[in-house]
Protein backbone atom coordinates (compact mmCIF):
# COMPACT_ATOMS: atom_id res chain seq x y z
CA GLN A 1 0.01 -0.01 0.00
CA PRO A 2 1.21 3.55 -0.54
CA LEU A 3 3.24 5.19 2.18
CA GLN A 4 3.38 8.95 2.79
CA LEU A 5 6.95 10.11 3.59
CA ASN A 6 7.30 13.37 5.50
CA ALA A 7 10.23 15.83 5.86
CA SER A 8 10.44 19.40 7.14
CA GLY A 9 12.96 22.14 7.98
CA ALA A 10 14.56 22.62 4.57
CA VAL A 11 13.84 24.45 1.36
CA HIS A 12 15.16 21.86 -1.10
CA TYR A 13 14.78 18.09 -0.70
CA THR A 14 16.28 15.11 -2.44
CA TRP A 15 15.21 11.55 -1.67
CA SER A 16 17.60 8.87 -2.89
CA PRO A 17 17.10 6.53 -4.52
CA GLY A 18 14.05 7.89 -6.28
CA THR A 19 12.74 4.39 -6.86
CA TRP A 20 8.98 4.02 -6.30
CA LEU A 21 8.60 7.68 -5.24
CA SER A 22 5.91 10.03 -6.63
CA ASN A 23 8.54 12.80 -6.74
CA PRO A 24 12.05 12.53 -5.19
CA ASN A 25 12.47 16.34 -4.98
CA ILE A 26 9.66 17.30 -2.61
CA ALA A 27 9.35 17.17 1.17
CA ASN A 28 6.44 14.69 1.27
CA PRO A 29 6.50 12.15 -1.61
CA ILE A 30 4.37 9.09 -1.71
CA SER A 31 6.27 5.83 -1.87
CA ASN A 32 4.73 2.71 -3.33
CA PRO A 33 7.59 0.27 -2.67
CA GLN A 34 7.57 -3.18 -4.22
CA ASP A 35 10.37 -4.37 -1.98
CA THR A 36 12.17 -3.34 1.22
CA ILE A 37 14.22 -0.13 0.63
CA ARG A 38 16.29 2.45 2.49
CA TYR A 39 15.63 6.07 1.49
CA ILE A 40 18.25 8.75 2.25
CA LEU A 41 16.95 12.29 2.48
CA THR A 42 19.15 15.35 1.95
CA GLY A 43 17.70 18.73 2.82
CA VAL A 44 19.18 22.16 2.18
CA ASP A 45 17.95 25.27 3.98
CA ASP A 46 18.01 28.98 2.90
CA ASN A 47 21.58 29.40 4.27
CA GLY A 48 22.96 26.46 2.32
CA CYS A 49 23.20 24.22 5.34
CA ILE A 50 22.82 20.55 4.56
CA GLY A 51 21.16 17.92 6.64
CA THR A 52 20.65 14.22 5.97
CA ASP A 53 18.45 11.46 7.43
CA SER A 54 17.27 8.06 6.37
CA ILE A 55 14.31 5.76 6.69
CA ASN A 56 14.06 2.05 6.14
CA VAL A 57 10.79 0.91 4.59
CA PHE A 58 10.05 -2.73 5.08
CA VAL A 59 7.63 -4.49 2.74
CA PHE A 60 5.76 -7.46 4.14
CA ARG A 61 3.87 -9.57 1.64
CA VAL A 62 0.62 -10.52 3.27
CA GLU A 63 -2.87 -11.04 1.86
CA ASP A 64 -5.08 -8.02 2.32
CA ASP A 65 -7.57 -8.88 5.03
CA MET A 66 -9.42 -7.86 8.15
CA TYR A 67 -8.31 -9.54 11.36
CA VAL A 68 -10.84 -9.48 14.19
CA PRO A 69 -10.20 -10.65 17.75
CA THR A 70 -12.22 -13.52 19.19
CA ALA A 71 -12.53 -11.97 22.65
CA PHE A 72 -12.17 -8.65 24.46
CA THR A 73 -12.25 -7.37 28.04
CA PRO A 74 -13.72 -3.88 28.36
CA ASN A 75 -12.78 -3.41 31.99
CA GLY A 76 -10.95 -0.10 31.75
CA ASP A 77 -7.44 -1.43 32.32
CA GLY A 78 -6.23 -0.12 28.92
CA LEU A 79 -5.66 -3.60 27.56
CA ASN A 80 -8.04 -5.10 25.04
CA ASP A 81 -10.86 -2.68 26.04
CA ILE A 82 -12.06 -1.92 22.53
CA PHE A 83 -13.35 -4.47 19.98
CA LYS A 84 -12.47 -3.51 16.39
CA PRO A 85 -11.16 -5.02 13.18
CA ILE A 86 -7.47 -4.70 12.32
CA LEU A 87 -7.14 -3.83 8.64
CA ILE A 88 -4.15 -5.12 6.69
CA GLY A 89 -3.81 -3.86 3.14
CA MET A 90 -7.21 -2.27 3.25
CA LYS A 91 -7.90 1.31 2.22
CA SER A 92 -11.37 1.66 3.69
CA LEU A 93 -13.93 0.11 5.99
CA ALA A 94 -17.40 -0.11 4.45
CA TYR A 95 -18.89 -1.14 7.81
CA PHE A 96 -18.31 -2.94 11.07
CA LYS A 97 -21.41 -4.20 12.93
CA VAL A 98 -21.84 -6.04 16.22
CA TYR A 99 -25.03 -7.84 17.17
CA ASN A 100 -26.23 -9.37 20.47
CA ARG A 101 -27.97 -12.77 20.78
CA PHE A 102 -31.35 -11.16 20.18
CA GLY A 103 -30.24 -9.81 16.80
CA GLU A 104 -30.06 -6.19 18.00
CA MET A 105 -27.22 -4.20 16.49
CA VAL A 106 -25.20 -2.99 19.51
CA PHE A 107 -22.53 -1.19 17.50
CA TYR A 108 -21.93 0.20 14.00
CA THR A 109 -19.15 2.20 12.39
CA THR A 110 -17.55 2.92 9.04
CA ARG A 111 -14.47 4.57 10.58
CA VAL A 112 -11.30 2.50 10.56
CA ASN A 113 -10.10 3.19 14.13
CA ASP A 114 -13.46 3.10 15.86
CA GLY A 115 -14.43 0.15 17.96
CA TRP A 116 -17.05 -1.08 20.45
CA ASN A 117 -16.43 -0.52 24.17
CA GLY A 118 -18.94 -3.11 25.34
CA ILE A 119 -21.68 -0.61 26.16
CA PHE A 120 -25.15 -0.76 24.62
CA LYS A 121 -27.93 1.79 25.37
CA GLY A 122 -25.68 3.26 28.14
CA LYS A 123 -25.30 -0.10 29.91
CA PRO A 124 -22.16 -2.24 30.11
CA GLN A 125 -23.07 -5.58 28.54
CA ASP A 126 -22.64 -8.77 30.54
CA THR A 127 -20.24 -11.56 29.55
CA ALA A 128 -21.68 -13.02 26.40
CA THR A 129 -20.99 -14.03 22.80
CA PHE A 130 -21.73 -11.46 20.10
CA VAL A 131 -21.86 -11.79 16.31
CA TRP A 132 -19.96 -9.32 14.05
CA GLU A 133 -19.72 -8.63 10.37
CA ALA A 134 -17.35 -6.35 8.52
CA ALA A 135 -16.64 -5.29 4.98
CA GLY A 136 -14.00 -3.16 3.38
CA VAL A 137 -12.05 -2.39 0.19
CA SER A 138 -8.46 -3.36 -0.27
CA PHE A 139 -5.78 -1.11 -1.88
CA THR A 140 -6.12 -3.26 -4.98
CA GLY A 141 -9.85 -2.52 -5.14
CA LYS A 142 -11.01 -5.93 -3.92
CA PHE A 143 -14.21 -5.87 -1.76
CA ARG A 144 -13.78 -8.12 1.31
CA LYS A 145 -16.57 -9.27 3.66
CA LYS A 146 -16.21 -11.28 6.85
CA LYS A 147 -18.24 -12.35 9.84
CA GLY A 148 -17.67 -14.15 13.06
CA TYR A 149 -18.10 -14.28 16.80
CA VAL A 150 -16.54 -12.45 19.73
CA VAL A 151 -16.76 -13.11 23.44
CA LEU A 152 -17.10 -10.15 25.79
CA ILE A 153 -15.39 -11.06 29.04
CA ARG A 154 -16.05 -9.07 32.27
């Protein structure tokens, strides 16, 4: 998937090598690497001072997918408190829905980083199994849809 590179503090920028970059002579090019690569950035300010930095971009070849936990513990300890899909190689989330055993939708979102905190109609839900479904679009344009179960543990 594309990666936004960011630099600041100079007037002129040169990213090297220019391989897989949208423009190697701007502060914030987009990289679409096909393999692991190390970019070296050279920046020059108004006074002619030169600065350099580098970044290693690692490419992992995995199938685009949505990974969803099978359990969560919304107890406020900061660990595993929010139930949400983890998107790999996906550019958008069409929807993420969670239902209780009565078929009531207890949570819905289309935003990637939103998740369910275990509360429905202002009340923390008891330990139970819930059904979820999710759909999204990958960076290659493929529509993916998944469903499964999650256990809320109190």
